[in-house]
């Protein structure tokens, strides 16, 4: 069973081989933060569009209800 996990537990003697991995991790982390902020910004814009559409529909619906109420009187 321990033979299966041997490939995952490789620790090199020369610690300078960690530098490329650290740089790659840093680059991917920065990219992830950028994409997260982009998605958050786009989501905020879509939320504003949805709120505007909801307000439009509600005012249109209230206007129709007001007309129906006036016709009933």
N, C-alpha and C. Protein backbone atom coordinates (compact mmCIF):
# COMPACT_ATOMS: atom_id res chain seq x y z
N UNK A 1 0.82 -1.19 0.00
CA UNK A 1 0.00 0.00 0.00
C UNK A 1 0.87 1.27 0.00
N UNK A 2 1.96 1.25 0.73
CA UNK A 2 2.84 2.43 0.80
C UNK A 2 3.55 2.68 -0.53
N UNK A 3 3.65 1.69 -1.38
CA UNK A 3 4.29 1.86 -2.68
C UNK A 3 3.46 2.77 -3.57
N UNK A 4 2.14 2.73 -3.42
CA UNK A 4 1.26 3.55 -4.24
C UNK A 4 1.45 5.04 -3.98
N UNK A 5 1.74 5.41 -2.76
CA UNK A 5 1.87 6.82 -2.39
C UNK A 5 3.30 7.34 -2.50
N UNK A 6 4.23 6.51 -2.88
CA UNK A 6 5.64 6.91 -2.93
C UNK A 6 5.89 8.01 -3.95
N UNK A 7 5.15 8.02 -5.08
CA UNK A 7 5.36 9.03 -6.10
C UNK A 7 4.93 10.42 -5.68
N UNK A 8 3.99 10.49 -4.76
CA UNK A 8 3.48 11.79 -4.32
C UNK A 8 4.37 12.43 -3.26
N UNK A 9 5.22 11.65 -2.63
CA UNK A 9 6.04 12.16 -1.53
C UNK A 9 7.49 12.34 -1.97
N UNK A 10 7.68 13.12 -3.00
CA UNK A 10 9.03 13.37 -3.50
C UNK A 10 9.49 14.72 -2.96
N UNK A 11 10.52 14.70 -2.15
CA UNK A 11 11.10 15.92 -1.61
C UNK A 11 12.54 16.02 -2.10
N UNK A 12 12.83 16.93 -3.02
CA UNK A 12 14.19 16.98 -3.59
C UNK A 12 15.21 17.52 -2.58
N UNK A 13 16.43 17.08 -2.77
CA UNK A 13 17.53 17.56 -1.92
C UNK A 13 17.82 19.04 -2.20
N UNK A 14 17.80 19.39 -3.48
CA UNK A 14 18.07 20.77 -3.89
C UNK A 14 16.78 21.58 -3.78
N UNK A 15 16.70 22.44 -2.82
CA UNK A 15 15.46 23.21 -2.57
C UNK A 15 15.20 24.28 -3.61
N UNK A 16 16.16 24.55 -4.49
CA UNK A 16 15.96 25.56 -5.53
C UNK A 16 14.96 25.07 -6.59
N UNK A 17 14.67 23.80 -6.62
CA UNK A 17 13.66 23.29 -7.57
C UNK A 17 12.25 23.67 -7.14
N UNK A 18 12.11 24.20 -5.94
CA UNK A 18 10.80 24.69 -5.49
C UNK A 18 10.46 26.06 -6.09
N UNK A 19 11.46 26.78 -6.54
CA UNK A 19 11.25 28.14 -7.06
C UNK A 19 10.31 28.17 -8.26
N UNK A 20 10.49 27.35 -9.29
CA UNK A 20 9.54 27.38 -10.42
C UNK A 20 8.11 27.04 -9.99
N UNK A 21 7.99 26.09 -9.08
CA UNK A 21 6.65 25.73 -8.60
C UNK A 21 6.02 26.89 -7.83
N UNK A 22 6.81 27.58 -7.03
CA UNK A 22 6.28 28.72 -6.28
C UNK A 22 5.88 29.86 -7.22
N UNK A 23 6.70 30.10 -8.25
CA UNK A 23 6.36 31.15 -9.21
C UNK A 23 5.09 30.79 -9.99
N UNK A 24 4.97 29.53 -10.37
CA UNK A 24 3.77 29.09 -11.08
C UNK A 24 2.54 29.22 -10.19
N UNK A 25 2.68 28.83 -8.93
CA UNK A 25 1.57 28.97 -7.99
C UNK A 25 1.17 30.44 -7.83
N UNK A 26 2.16 31.32 -7.71
CA UNK A 26 1.88 32.74 -7.56
C UNK A 26 1.17 33.30 -8.79
N UNK A 27 1.63 32.91 -9.98
CA UNK A 27 1.00 33.38 -11.22
C UNK A 27 -0.45 32.90 -11.32
N UNK A 28 -0.67 31.64 -11.01
CA UNK A 28 -2.04 31.10 -11.08
C UNK A 28 -2.92 31.74 -10.02
N UNK A 29 -2.37 31.99 -8.84
CA UNK A 29 -3.14 32.64 -7.77
C UNK A 29 -3.56 34.05 -8.18
N UNK A 30 -2.64 34.79 -8.78
CA UNK A 30 -2.96 36.15 -9.24
C UNK A 30 -4.02 36.10 -10.34
N UNK A 31 -3.89 35.15 -11.23
CA UNK A 31 -4.88 34.97 -12.29
C UNK A 31 -6.26 34.63 -11.71
N UNK A 32 -6.28 33.78 -10.71
CA UNK A 32 -7.55 33.42 -10.06
C UNK A 32 -8.19 34.64 -9.38
N UNK A 33 -7.40 35.45 -8.73
CA UNK A 33 -7.93 36.66 -8.09
C UNK A 33 -8.50 37.60 -9.15
N UNK A 34 -7.79 37.77 -10.26
CA UNK A 34 -8.26 38.62 -11.35
C UNK A 34 -9.58 38.12 -11.92
N UNK A 35 -9.67 36.82 -12.17
CA UNK A 35 -10.91 36.25 -12.73
C UNK A 35 -12.05 36.38 -11.72
N UNK A 36 -11.77 36.16 -10.45
CA UNK A 36 -12.79 36.31 -9.42
C UNK A 36 -13.34 37.73 -9.39
N UNK A 37 -12.46 38.72 -9.43
CA UNK A 37 -12.91 40.11 -9.42
C UNK A 37 -13.70 40.46 -10.68
N UNK A 38 -13.28 39.90 -11.83
CA UNK A 38 -13.99 40.12 -13.08
C UNK A 38 -15.40 39.54 -13.02
N UNK A 39 -15.52 38.33 -12.53
CA UNK A 39 -16.83 37.69 -12.41
C UNK A 39 -17.70 38.46 -11.43
N UNK A 40 -17.11 38.93 -10.35
CA UNK A 40 -17.86 39.70 -9.36
C UNK A 40 -18.38 41.01 -9.96
N UNK A 41 -17.54 41.68 -10.74
CA UNK A 41 -17.93 42.93 -11.38
C UNK A 41 -19.05 42.69 -12.41
N UNK A 42 -18.91 41.64 -13.21
CA UNK A 42 -19.94 41.33 -14.20
C UNK A 42 -21.25 40.93 -13.52
N UNK A 43 -21.15 40.24 -12.41
CA UNK A 43 -22.33 39.85 -11.67
C UNK A 43 -23.05 41.07 -11.11
N UNK A 44 -22.30 42.06 -10.66
CA UNK A 44 -22.89 43.29 -10.13
C UNK A 44 -23.65 44.03 -11.24
N UNK A 45 -23.07 44.06 -12.44
CA UNK A 45 -23.75 44.72 -13.57
C UNK A 45 -25.04 43.99 -13.93
N UNK A 46 -24.99 42.67 -13.94
CA UNK A 46 -26.19 41.88 -14.25
C UNK A 46 -27.26 42.07 -13.17
N UNK A 47 -26.83 42.21 -11.92
CA UNK A 47 -27.77 42.45 -10.82
C UNK A 47 -28.48 43.79 -11.01
N UNK A 48 -27.74 44.80 -11.42
CA UNK A 48 -28.35 46.12 -11.65
C UNK A 48 -29.33 46.06 -12.81
N UNK A 49 -28.98 45.35 -13.87
CA UNK A 49 -29.90 45.21 -15.00
C UNK A 49 -31.18 44.48 -14.57
N UNK A 50 -31.02 43.44 -13.77
CA UNK A 50 -32.17 42.67 -13.30
C UNK A 50 -33.06 43.51 -12.41
N UNK A 51 -32.47 44.32 -11.53
CA UNK A 51 -33.27 45.20 -10.67
C UNK A 51 -34.04 46.22 -11.49
N UNK A 52 -33.40 46.77 -12.52
CA UNK A 52 -34.08 47.74 -13.38
C UNK A 52 -35.25 47.07 -14.10
N UNK A 53 -35.05 45.88 -14.60
CA UNK A 53 -36.12 45.15 -15.28
C UNK A 53 -37.25 44.82 -14.31
N UNK A 54 -36.90 44.42 -13.10
CA UNK A 54 -37.91 44.11 -12.09
C UNK A 54 -38.73 45.35 -11.74
N UNK A 55 -38.08 46.48 -11.57
CA UNK A 55 -38.80 47.72 -11.27
C UNK A 55 -39.73 48.10 -12.42
N UNK A 56 -39.25 47.92 -13.65
CA UNK A 56 -40.07 48.23 -14.83
C UNK A 56 -41.31 47.34 -14.85
N UNK A 57 -41.13 46.06 -14.62
CA UNK A 57 -42.26 45.13 -14.64
C UNK A 57 -43.23 45.45 -13.52
N UNK A 58 -42.72 45.75 -12.33
CA UNK A 58 -43.61 46.06 -11.20
C UNK A 58 -44.40 47.34 -11.45
N UNK A 59 -43.76 48.37 -12.00
CA UNK A 59 -44.49 49.61 -12.27
C UNK A 59 -45.52 49.39 -13.37
N UNK A 60 -45.17 48.59 -14.35
CA UNK A 60 -46.11 48.26 -15.42
C UNK A 60 -47.31 47.48 -14.85
N UNK A 61 -47.03 46.57 -13.94
CA UNK A 61 -48.08 45.75 -13.33
C UNK A 61 -48.97 46.63 -12.43
N UNK A 62 -48.37 47.53 -11.68
CA UNK A 62 -49.15 48.42 -10.82
C UNK A 62 -50.01 49.35 -11.66
N UNK A 63 -49.46 49.81 -12.78
CA UNK A 63 -50.24 50.67 -13.67
C UNK A 63 -51.45 49.95 -14.21
N UNK A 64 -51.31 48.69 -14.53
CA UNK A 64 -52.43 47.89 -15.04
C UNK A 64 -53.46 47.67 -13.94
N UNK A 65 -53.00 47.43 -12.73
CA UNK A 65 -53.91 47.22 -11.61
C UNK A 65 -54.67 48.51 -11.29
N UNK A 66 -53.98 49.65 -11.38
CA UNK A 66 -54.64 50.92 -11.12
C UNK A 66 -55.73 51.19 -12.16
N UNK A 67 -55.47 50.86 -13.41
CA UNK A 67 -56.46 51.04 -14.46
C UNK A 67 -57.67 50.14 -14.23
N UNK A 68 -57.41 48.89 -13.81
CA UNK A 68 -58.51 47.96 -13.52
C UNK A 68 -59.34 48.48 -12.35
N UNK A 69 -58.71 49.03 -11.34
CA UNK A 69 -59.42 49.56 -10.18
C UNK A 69 -60.27 50.76 -10.58
N UNK A 70 -59.75 51.62 -11.43
CA UNK A 70 -60.50 52.78 -11.86
C UNK A 70 -61.69 52.36 -12.74
N UNK A 71 -61.53 51.34 -13.54
CA UNK A 71 -62.63 50.87 -14.39
C UNK A 71 -63.73 50.23 -13.56
N UNK A 72 -63.40 49.61 -12.47
CA UNK A 72 -64.40 48.96 -11.61
C UNK A 72 -65.23 49.99 -10.86
N UNK A 73 -64.68 51.17 -10.62
CA UNK A 73 -65.40 52.19 -9.86
C UNK A 73 -66.39 52.81 -10.75
